[in-house]
């Protein structure tokens, strides 16, 4: 899902690329302050993330990996889209029966009428080995791949990740 009004920078750090978003940084700061966590060390502890990860998100807007985004969104009770500032709608209904990303991907592939994951890979221009790792090793994709898949299937990131049963 590519959003025109969200300012995103990809920073090369050694051999890793990091996504930086001023909008994410502002939303993360807002949610952290509203939660009244106190100091940053206590906030990181209450979110269940490292101080370094908290500091990078809070001070620089560096978007953490998907598993950490899920942890943060769960703690704040918001959607991933809201946390990333893709929407201002803070309403989020967590699924009573969460699904795994792999289960949702299989379901959406079948719903779309795709015969194989190779066909999906070809349609969305994601390497088939990435999809294989997501399914066979229970890895989570990078946020950019998740956004491509969510856009292709016409669902929210949270639905794709199995956090909610609301497709939108």
N, C-alpha and C. Protein backbone atom coordinates (compact mmCIF):
# COMPACT_ATOMS: atom_id res chain seq x y z
N UNK A 1 0.85 -1.14 0.00
CA UNK A 1 0.00 0.00 0.00
C UNK A 1 0.91 1.22 0.00
N UNK A 2 0.95 1.95 -1.06
CA UNK A 2 1.79 3.13 -1.16
C UNK A 2 0.94 4.36 -0.88
N UNK A 3 1.35 5.14 0.07
CA UNK A 3 0.59 6.31 0.49
C UNK A 3 1.35 7.55 0.07
N UNK A 4 0.70 8.43 -0.70
CA UNK A 4 1.36 9.61 -1.22
C UNK A 4 1.77 10.61 -0.15
N UNK A 5 0.96 10.75 0.91
CA UNK A 5 1.23 11.79 1.89
C UNK A 5 2.13 11.32 3.03
N UNK A 6 2.63 10.09 2.95
CA UNK A 6 3.53 9.60 3.99
C UNK A 6 4.96 9.71 3.47
N UNK A 7 5.77 10.42 4.22
CA UNK A 7 7.15 10.65 3.82
C UNK A 7 8.01 9.51 4.32
N UNK A 8 8.59 8.78 3.40
CA UNK A 8 9.37 7.60 3.76
C UNK A 8 10.76 7.71 3.15
N UNK A 9 11.76 7.42 3.94
CA UNK A 9 13.14 7.40 3.48
C UNK A 9 13.69 6.02 3.78
N UNK A 10 14.45 5.48 2.86
CA UNK A 10 15.13 4.23 3.12
C UNK A 10 16.60 4.59 3.36
N UNK A 11 17.11 4.23 4.53
CA UNK A 11 18.48 4.57 4.92
C UNK A 11 19.33 3.32 4.86
N UNK A 12 20.47 3.43 4.23
CA UNK A 12 21.40 2.31 4.16
C UNK A 12 22.33 2.38 5.37
N UNK A 13 22.31 1.32 6.18
CA UNK A 13 23.12 1.28 7.40
C UNK A 13 23.94 0.01 7.35
N UNK A 14 25.20 0.12 6.92
CA UNK A 14 26.02 -1.08 6.76
C UNK A 14 25.45 -1.90 5.62
N UNK A 15 25.01 -3.12 5.91
CA UNK A 15 24.41 -3.95 4.88
C UNK A 15 22.88 -4.00 5.00
N UNK A 16 22.32 -3.20 5.89
CA UNK A 16 20.88 -3.21 6.13
C UNK A 16 20.25 -1.91 5.65
N UNK A 17 19.03 -2.03 5.16
CA UNK A 17 18.25 -0.85 4.81
C UNK A 17 17.22 -0.64 5.91
N UNK A 18 17.06 0.60 6.33
CA UNK A 18 16.08 0.92 7.36
C UNK A 18 15.08 1.91 6.80
N UNK A 19 13.86 1.66 7.10
CA UNK A 19 12.79 2.56 6.68
C UNK A 19 12.61 3.61 7.76
N UNK A 20 12.60 4.86 7.35
CA UNK A 20 12.43 5.98 8.26
C UNK A 20 11.19 6.75 7.84
N UNK A 21 10.32 7.03 8.81
CA UNK A 21 9.08 7.74 8.51
C UNK A 21 8.83 8.77 9.61
N UNK A 22 8.75 10.02 9.21
CA UNK A 22 8.45 11.10 10.16
C UNK A 22 7.04 10.92 10.71
N UNK A 23 6.11 10.47 9.86
CA UNK A 23 4.74 10.26 10.30
C UNK A 23 4.66 9.15 11.34
N UNK A 24 5.39 8.05 11.11
CA UNK A 24 5.45 6.97 12.10
C UNK A 24 6.05 7.50 13.40
N UNK A 25 7.13 8.26 13.30
CA UNK A 25 7.78 8.81 14.49
C UNK A 25 6.80 9.67 15.29
N UNK A 26 6.08 10.54 14.62
CA UNK A 26 5.11 11.40 15.31
C UNK A 26 4.01 10.60 15.97
N UNK A 27 3.49 9.58 15.26
CA UNK A 27 2.42 8.76 15.82
C UNK A 27 2.94 7.94 17.01
N UNK A 28 4.13 7.40 16.89
CA UNK A 28 4.73 6.62 17.97
C UNK A 28 4.95 7.49 19.21
N UNK A 29 5.45 8.70 19.00
CA UNK A 29 5.64 9.63 20.12
C UNK A 29 4.30 9.97 20.77
N UNK A 30 3.30 10.25 19.96
CA UNK A 30 1.97 10.59 20.46
C UNK A 30 1.39 9.45 21.30
N UNK A 31 1.44 8.24 20.78
CA UNK A 31 0.91 7.08 21.51
C UNK A 31 1.68 6.82 22.80
N UNK A 32 2.99 6.98 22.75
CA UNK A 32 3.83 6.76 23.93
C UNK A 32 3.52 7.78 25.01
N UNK A 33 3.35 9.03 24.61
CA UNK A 33 3.04 10.08 25.59
C UNK A 33 1.63 9.90 26.16
N UNK A 34 0.66 9.53 25.31
CA UNK A 34 -0.70 9.28 25.79
C UNK A 34 -0.75 8.13 26.78
N UNK A 35 0.11 7.14 26.58
CA UNK A 35 0.13 5.97 27.46
C UNK A 35 0.74 6.30 28.82
N UNK A 36 1.46 7.43 28.89
CA UNK A 36 2.04 7.86 30.16
C UNK A 36 3.06 6.89 30.72
N UNK A 37 3.90 6.36 29.87
CA UNK A 37 4.89 5.38 30.30
C UNK A 37 5.98 5.97 31.19
N UNK A 38 6.15 7.27 31.16
CA UNK A 38 7.24 7.87 31.94
C UNK A 38 8.48 7.95 31.07
N UNK A 39 9.59 7.51 31.62
CA UNK A 39 10.84 7.62 30.86
C UNK A 39 10.91 6.55 29.76
N UNK A 40 11.89 6.72 28.88
CA UNK A 40 12.00 5.84 27.72
C UNK A 40 12.37 4.41 28.10
N UNK A 41 13.14 4.24 29.13
CA UNK A 41 13.51 2.89 29.56
C UNK A 41 12.27 2.14 30.04
N UNK A 42 11.45 2.81 30.84
CA UNK A 42 10.21 2.19 31.32
C UNK A 42 9.26 1.93 30.16
N UNK A 43 9.19 2.86 29.22
CA UNK A 43 8.31 2.69 28.06
C UNK A 43 8.72 1.48 27.24
N UNK A 44 10.01 1.34 26.98
CA UNK A 44 10.50 0.19 26.21
C UNK A 44 10.16 -1.11 26.93
N UNK A 45 10.35 -1.11 28.23
CA UNK A 45 10.06 -2.31 29.02
C UNK A 45 8.57 -2.67 28.95
N UNK A 46 7.71 -1.67 29.08
CA UNK A 46 6.26 -1.93 29.04
C UNK A 46 5.80 -2.38 27.66
N UNK A 47 6.48 -1.92 26.61
CA UNK A 47 6.15 -2.35 25.25
C UNK A 47 6.77 -3.71 24.93
N UNK A 48 7.71 -4.14 25.75
CA UNK A 48 8.36 -5.43 25.52
C UNK A 48 9.39 -5.40 24.42
N UNK A 49 9.99 -4.20 24.22
CA UNK A 49 11.01 -4.05 23.19
C UNK A 49 12.28 -3.53 23.83
N UNK A 50 13.38 -3.58 23.11
CA UNK A 50 14.63 -3.08 23.66
C UNK A 50 14.62 -1.55 23.70
N UNK A 51 15.45 -1.01 24.58
CA UNK A 51 15.58 0.43 24.66
C UNK A 51 16.09 0.99 23.32
N UNK A 52 17.01 0.27 22.69
CA UNK A 52 17.58 0.72 21.41
C UNK A 52 16.48 0.82 20.35
N UNK A 53 15.62 -0.19 20.27
CA UNK A 53 14.52 -0.18 19.29
C UNK A 53 13.57 0.97 19.60
N UNK A 54 13.22 1.14 20.88
CA UNK A 54 12.35 2.24 21.28
C UNK A 54 12.97 3.58 20.89
N UNK A 55 14.23 3.75 21.21
CA UNK A 55 14.93 5.00 20.95
C UNK A 55 15.00 5.31 19.46
N UNK A 56 15.30 4.30 18.64
CA UNK A 56 15.37 4.51 17.19
C UNK A 56 14.01 4.94 16.64
N UNK A 57 12.94 4.33 17.12
CA UNK A 57 11.60 4.68 16.65
C UNK A 57 11.20 6.07 17.16
N UNK A 58 11.42 6.33 18.43
CA UNK A 58 10.99 7.57 19.07
C UNK A 58 11.80 8.78 18.59
N UNK A 59 13.12 8.61 18.53
CA UNK A 59 14.00 9.74 18.20
C UNK A 59 14.22 9.95 16.71
N UNK A 60 14.21 8.87 15.93
CA UNK A 60 14.58 8.97 14.52
C UNK A 60 13.51 8.50 13.55
N UNK A 61 12.44 7.88 14.05
CA UNK A 61 11.39 7.41 13.16
C UNK A 61 11.76 6.16 12.38
N UNK A 62 12.73 5.41 12.86
CA UNK A 62 13.12 4.17 12.19
C UNK A 62 12.05 3.12 12.47
N UNK A 63 11.47 2.60 11.42
CA UNK A 63 10.38 1.63 11.53
C UNK A 63 10.99 0.27 11.86
N UNK A 64 10.58 -0.34 12.97
CA UNK A 64 11.14 -1.64 13.34
C UNK A 64 10.59 -2.77 12.48
N UNK A 65 11.14 -3.96 12.66
CA UNK A 65 10.67 -5.11 11.89
C UNK A 65 9.21 -5.42 12.25
N UNK A 66 8.56 -6.17 11.39
CA UNK A 66 7.13 -6.42 11.50
C UNK A 66 6.74 -7.05 12.84
N UNK A 67 7.51 -8.01 13.32
CA UNK A 67 7.15 -8.64 14.60
C UNK A 67 7.14 -7.63 15.74
N UNK A 68 8.02 -6.65 15.69
CA UNK A 68 8.05 -5.60 16.72
C UNK A 68 6.89 -4.64 16.52
N UNK A 69 6.57 -4.32 15.26
CA UNK A 69 5.40 -3.47 15.00
C UNK A 69 4.13 -4.10 15.57
N UNK A 70 4.00 -5.41 15.40
CA UNK A 70 2.83 -6.12 15.93
C UNK A 70 2.79 -6.00 17.45
N UNK A 71 3.94 -6.19 18.08
CA UNK A 71 4.03 -6.10 19.55
C UNK A 71 3.64 -4.70 20.03
N UNK A 72 4.13 -3.69 19.36
CA UNK A 72 3.82 -2.30 19.73
C UNK A 72 2.33 -2.01 19.51
N UNK A 73 1.81 -2.40 18.34
CA UNK A 73 0.40 -2.16 18.03
C UNK A 73 -0.50 -2.89 19.03
N UNK A 74 -0.13 -4.12 19.40
CA UNK A 74 -0.90 -4.86 20.40
C UNK A 74 -0.92 -4.13 21.74
N UNK A 75 0.22 -3.62 22.13
CA UNK A 75 0.32 -2.93 23.42
C UNK A 75 -0.55 -1.66 23.43
N UNK A 76 -0.54 -0.93 22.33
CA UNK A 76 -1.32 0.31 22.24
C UNK A 76 -2.78 0.04 21.86
N UNK A 77 -3.09 -1.17 21.39
CA UNK A 77 -4.45 -1.50 20.98
C UNK A 77 -4.87 -0.81 19.70
N UNK A 78 -3.93 -0.66 18.76
CA UNK A 78 -4.21 0.02 17.50
C UNK A 78 -3.82 -0.89 16.33
N UNK A 79 -4.24 -0.48 15.15
CA UNK A 79 -3.86 -1.22 13.94
C UNK A 79 -2.44 -0.84 13.52
N UNK A 80 -1.85 -1.69 12.71
CA UNK A 80 -0.53 -1.40 12.14
C UNK A 80 -0.63 -0.15 11.26
N UNK A 81 -1.72 -0.05 10.49
CA UNK A 81 -1.90 1.13 9.63
C UNK A 81 -1.94 2.42 10.44
N UNK A 82 -2.61 2.37 11.58
CA UNK A 82 -2.66 3.56 12.44
C UNK A 82 -1.28 3.85 13.01
N UNK A 83 -0.60 2.83 13.49
CA UNK A 83 0.74 3.01 14.04
C UNK A 83 1.69 3.60 13.01
N UNK A 84 1.58 3.15 11.76
CA UNK A 84 2.45 3.66 10.69
C UNK A 84 1.97 4.99 10.12
N UNK A 85 0.84 5.49 10.63
CA UNK A 85 0.24 6.75 10.19
C UNK A 85 -0.26 6.67 8.75
N UNK A 86 -0.71 5.48 8.33
CA UNK A 86 -1.35 5.34 7.02
C UNK A 86 -2.81 5.74 7.10
N UNK A 87 -3.35 5.82 8.32
CA UNK A 87 -4.74 6.23 8.54
C UNK A 87 -4.81 6.98 9.86
N UNK A 88 -5.84 7.81 9.98
CA UNK A 88 -6.09 8.49 11.26
C UNK A 88 -7.21 7.82 12.03
N UNK A 89 -7.74 6.73 11.49
CA UNK A 89 -8.79 5.97 12.15
C UNK A 89 -8.14 5.05 13.19
N UNK A 90 -8.36 5.36 14.46
CA UNK A 90 -7.71 4.57 15.52
C UNK A 90 -8.56 3.40 15.99
N UNK A 91 -9.71 3.16 15.34
CA UNK A 91 -10.57 2.03 15.69
C UNK A 91 -9.91 0.74 15.23
N UNK A 92 -9.82 -0.22 16.15
CA UNK A 92 -9.24 -1.52 15.81
C UNK A 92 -9.92 -2.61 16.62
N UNK A 93 -10.36 -3.64 15.92
CA UNK A 93 -11.00 -4.78 16.59
C UNK A 93 -10.10 -5.99 16.41
N UNK A 94 -9.49 -6.40 17.50
CA UNK A 94 -8.60 -7.55 17.46
C UNK A 94 -9.42 -8.83 17.30
N UNK A 95 -8.91 -9.76 16.51
CA UNK A 95 -9.60 -11.02 16.25
C UNK A 95 -9.66 -11.87 17.51
N UNK A 96 -10.81 -12.51 17.72
CA UNK A 96 -10.95 -13.46 18.82
C UNK A 96 -10.16 -14.74 18.53
N UNK A 97 -10.00 -15.01 17.24
CA UNK A 97 -9.26 -16.20 16.82
C UNK A 97 -8.19 -15.77 15.81
N UNK A 98 -7.09 -15.20 16.29
CA UNK A 98 -6.05 -14.74 15.36
C UNK A 98 -5.53 -15.86 14.47
N UNK A 99 -5.21 -15.51 13.27
CA UNK A 99 -4.63 -16.44 12.30
C UNK A 99 -3.16 -16.08 12.10
N UNK A 100 -2.41 -17.02 11.58
CA UNK A 100 -1.02 -16.71 11.24
C UNK A 100 -0.99 -16.02 9.88
N UNK A 101 0.10 -15.36 9.62
CA UNK A 101 0.28 -14.73 8.32
C UNK A 101 0.19 -15.78 7.22
N UNK A 102 0.81 -16.93 7.42
CA UNK A 102 0.78 -18.00 6.43
C UNK A 102 -0.62 -18.49 6.14
N UNK A 103 -1.43 -18.67 7.19
CA UNK A 103 -2.82 -19.10 7.00
C UNK A 103 -3.60 -18.08 6.17
N UNK A 104 -3.40 -16.79 6.49
CA UNK A 104 -4.10 -15.74 5.75
C UNK A 104 -3.64 -15.69 4.30
N UNK A 105 -2.35 -15.87 4.08
CA UNK A 105 -1.83 -15.81 2.72
C UNK A 105 -2.41 -16.95 1.87
N UNK A 106 -2.47 -18.14 2.44
CA UNK A 106 -3.05 -19.28 1.74
C UNK A 106 -4.53 -19.00 1.42
N UNK A 107 -5.26 -18.50 2.41
CA UNK A 107 -6.68 -18.20 2.22
C UNK A 107 -6.88 -17.16 1.11
N UNK A 108 -6.10 -16.08 1.15
CA UNK A 108 -6.25 -15.00 0.18
C UNK A 108 -5.85 -15.45 -1.23
N UNK A 109 -4.83 -16.29 -1.33
CA UNK A 109 -4.42 -16.83 -2.63
C UNK A 109 -5.57 -17.63 -3.24
N UNK A 110 -6.18 -18.48 -2.43
CA UNK A 110 -7.29 -19.29 -2.92
C UNK A 110 -8.51 -18.44 -3.26
N UNK A 111 -8.79 -17.46 -2.42
CA UNK A 111 -9.92 -16.56 -2.66
C UNK A 111 -9.75 -15.79 -3.97
N UNK A 112 -8.51 -15.43 -4.27
CA UNK A 112 -8.19 -14.68 -5.50
C UNK A 112 -8.21 -15.60 -6.72
N UNK A 113 -8.25 -16.92 -6.49
CA UNK A 113 -8.30 -17.87 -7.60
C UNK A 113 -6.94 -18.19 -8.19
N UNK A 114 -5.88 -17.91 -7.44
CA UNK A 114 -4.53 -18.22 -7.93
C UNK A 114 -4.25 -19.70 -7.73
N UNK A 115 -3.65 -20.32 -8.70
CA UNK A 115 -3.40 -21.75 -8.64
C UNK A 115 -2.17 -22.10 -7.81
N UNK A 116 -1.21 -21.18 -7.72
CA UNK A 116 0.03 -21.49 -7.00
C UNK A 116 0.64 -20.22 -6.43
N UNK A 117 1.59 -20.43 -5.54
CA UNK A 117 2.32 -19.29 -5.00
C UNK A 117 3.31 -18.73 -6.02
N UNK A 118 3.68 -19.56 -7.01
CA UNK A 118 4.52 -19.06 -8.10
C UNK A 118 3.75 -18.02 -8.89
N UNK A 119 2.47 -18.27 -9.09
CA UNK A 119 1.61 -17.30 -9.79
C UNK A 119 1.50 -16.01 -8.98
N UNK A 120 1.33 -16.15 -7.67
CA UNK A 120 1.29 -14.97 -6.80
C UNK A 120 2.60 -14.19 -6.89
N UNK A 121 3.71 -14.90 -6.80
CA UNK A 121 5.03 -14.26 -6.86
C UNK A 121 5.18 -13.48 -8.16
N UNK A 122 4.73 -14.06 -9.25
CA UNK A 122 4.81 -13.41 -10.55
C UNK A 122 3.92 -12.17 -10.60
N UNK A 123 2.74 -12.26 -10.03
CA UNK A 123 1.78 -11.15 -10.05
C UNK A 123 2.28 -9.94 -9.25
N UNK A 124 2.90 -10.20 -8.10
CA UNK A 124 3.28 -9.09 -7.20
C UNK A 124 4.77 -8.75 -7.27
N UNK A 125 5.51 -9.48 -8.10
CA UNK A 125 6.94 -9.23 -8.30
C UNK A 125 7.75 -9.39 -7.00
N UNK A 126 7.40 -10.43 -6.27
CA UNK A 126 8.15 -10.83 -5.08
C UNK A 126 8.75 -12.19 -5.38
N UNK A 127 10.00 -12.38 -5.06
CA UNK A 127 10.66 -13.64 -5.40
C UNK A 127 9.98 -14.81 -4.71
N UNK A 128 9.79 -15.89 -5.47
CA UNK A 128 9.08 -17.07 -4.95
C UNK A 128 9.79 -17.69 -3.75
N UNK A 129 11.10 -17.54 -3.63
CA UNK A 129 11.80 -18.09 -2.46
C UNK A 129 11.42 -17.33 -1.19
N UNK A 130 11.11 -16.05 -1.32
CA UNK A 130 10.65 -15.28 -0.15
C UNK A 130 9.32 -15.84 0.35
N UNK A 131 8.40 -16.07 -0.58
CA UNK A 131 7.09 -16.61 -0.21
C UNK A 131 7.26 -17.99 0.41
N UNK A 132 8.14 -18.78 -0.14
CA UNK A 132 8.40 -20.11 0.39
C UNK A 132 8.91 -20.04 1.83
N UNK A 133 9.81 -19.12 2.10
CA UNK A 133 10.32 -18.96 3.48
C UNK A 133 9.23 -18.49 4.42
N UNK A 134 8.37 -17.60 3.97
CA UNK A 134 7.29 -17.13 4.83
C UNK A 134 6.38 -18.28 5.23
N UNK A 135 6.10 -19.14 4.26
CA UNK A 135 5.18 -20.24 4.52
C UNK A 135 5.83 -21.42 5.24
N UNK A 136 7.01 -21.80 4.82
CA UNK A 136 7.65 -23.00 5.36
C UNK A 136 8.41 -22.78 6.66
N UNK A 137 8.89 -21.56 6.87
CA UNK A 137 9.67 -21.28 8.07
C UNK A 137 8.97 -20.31 9.01
N UNK A 138 7.73 -19.98 8.68
CA UNK A 138 6.93 -19.04 9.49
C UNK A 138 7.61 -17.69 9.68
N UNK A 139 8.35 -17.25 8.66
CA UNK A 139 8.94 -15.92 8.71
C UNK A 139 7.87 -14.89 8.38
N UNK A 140 8.07 -13.69 8.87
CA UNK A 140 7.21 -12.58 8.48
C UNK A 140 7.93 -11.75 7.44
N UNK A 141 7.22 -11.28 6.43
CA UNK A 141 7.85 -10.44 5.40
C UNK A 141 8.27 -9.09 5.96
N UNK A 142 9.12 -8.42 5.22
CA UNK A 142 9.42 -7.03 5.52
C UNK A 142 8.16 -6.21 5.25
N UNK A 143 8.07 -5.06 5.86
CA UNK A 143 6.87 -4.23 5.76
C UNK A 143 6.56 -3.86 4.31
N UNK A 144 7.58 -3.65 3.49
CA UNK A 144 7.34 -3.28 2.09
C UNK A 144 6.62 -4.41 1.35
N UNK A 145 7.04 -5.65 1.57
CA UNK A 145 6.37 -6.78 0.93
C UNK A 145 4.95 -6.95 1.45
N UNK A 146 4.75 -6.73 2.74
CA UNK A 146 3.41 -6.81 3.31
C UNK A 146 2.49 -5.78 2.65
N UNK A 147 3.00 -4.58 2.46
CA UNK A 147 2.18 -3.53 1.84
C UNK A 147 1.82 -3.89 0.41
N UNK A 148 2.75 -4.48 -0.33
CA UNK A 148 2.48 -4.91 -1.70
C UNK A 148 1.38 -5.98 -1.70
N UNK A 149 1.51 -6.96 -0.82
CA UNK A 149 0.53 -8.04 -0.74
C UNK A 149 -0.84 -7.54 -0.30
N UNK A 150 -0.87 -6.68 0.71
CA UNK A 150 -2.14 -6.13 1.19
C UNK A 150 -2.84 -5.34 0.08
N UNK A 151 -2.07 -4.57 -0.67
CA UNK A 151 -2.63 -3.80 -1.77
C UNK A 151 -3.16 -4.74 -2.86
N UNK A 152 -2.40 -5.76 -3.19
CA UNK A 152 -2.81 -6.72 -4.22
C UNK A 152 -4.11 -7.43 -3.86
N UNK A 153 -4.23 -7.84 -2.60
CA UNK A 153 -5.42 -8.56 -2.16
C UNK A 153 -6.56 -7.63 -1.73
N UNK A 154 -6.27 -6.34 -1.61
CA UNK A 154 -7.29 -5.38 -1.20
C UNK A 154 -7.70 -5.52 0.26
N UNK A 155 -6.74 -5.82 1.12
CA UNK A 155 -7.00 -6.00 2.54
C UNK A 155 -6.04 -5.13 3.36
N UNK A 156 -6.33 -5.02 4.64
CA UNK A 156 -5.45 -4.26 5.52
C UNK A 156 -4.24 -5.10 5.91
N UNK A 157 -3.20 -4.43 6.37
CA UNK A 157 -2.02 -5.13 6.87
C UNK A 157 -2.39 -6.03 8.04
N UNK A 158 -3.27 -5.54 8.90
CA UNK A 158 -3.66 -6.30 10.08
C UNK A 158 -4.45 -7.55 9.72
N UNK A 159 -5.27 -7.46 8.69
CA UNK A 159 -6.00 -8.65 8.23
C UNK A 159 -5.01 -9.66 7.67
N UNK A 160 -4.10 -9.19 6.84
CA UNK A 160 -3.10 -10.06 6.24
C UNK A 160 -2.24 -10.74 7.31
N UNK A 161 -1.95 -10.03 8.38
CA UNK A 161 -1.15 -10.57 9.47
C UNK A 161 -1.98 -11.44 10.43
N UNK A 162 -3.29 -11.47 10.22
CA UNK A 162 -4.15 -12.30 11.06
C UNK A 162 -4.51 -11.66 12.39
N UNK A 163 -4.28 -10.37 12.56
CA UNK A 163 -4.58 -9.67 13.81
C UNK A 163 -6.06 -9.32 13.94
N UNK A 164 -6.75 -9.20 12.81
CA UNK A 164 -8.16 -8.82 12.82
C UNK A 164 -8.91 -9.63 11.77
N UNK A 165 -10.22 -9.71 11.92
CA UNK A 165 -11.04 -10.38 10.92
C UNK A 165 -11.70 -9.39 9.97
N UNK A 166 -11.45 -8.10 10.21
CA UNK A 166 -11.97 -7.03 9.36
C UNK A 166 -10.99 -6.82 8.22
N UNK A 167 -11.43 -7.09 7.00
CA UNK A 167 -10.53 -6.98 5.84
C UNK A 167 -10.04 -5.56 5.60
N UNK A 168 -10.82 -4.57 6.04
CA UNK A 168 -10.45 -3.18 5.79
C UNK A 168 -9.75 -2.59 6.97
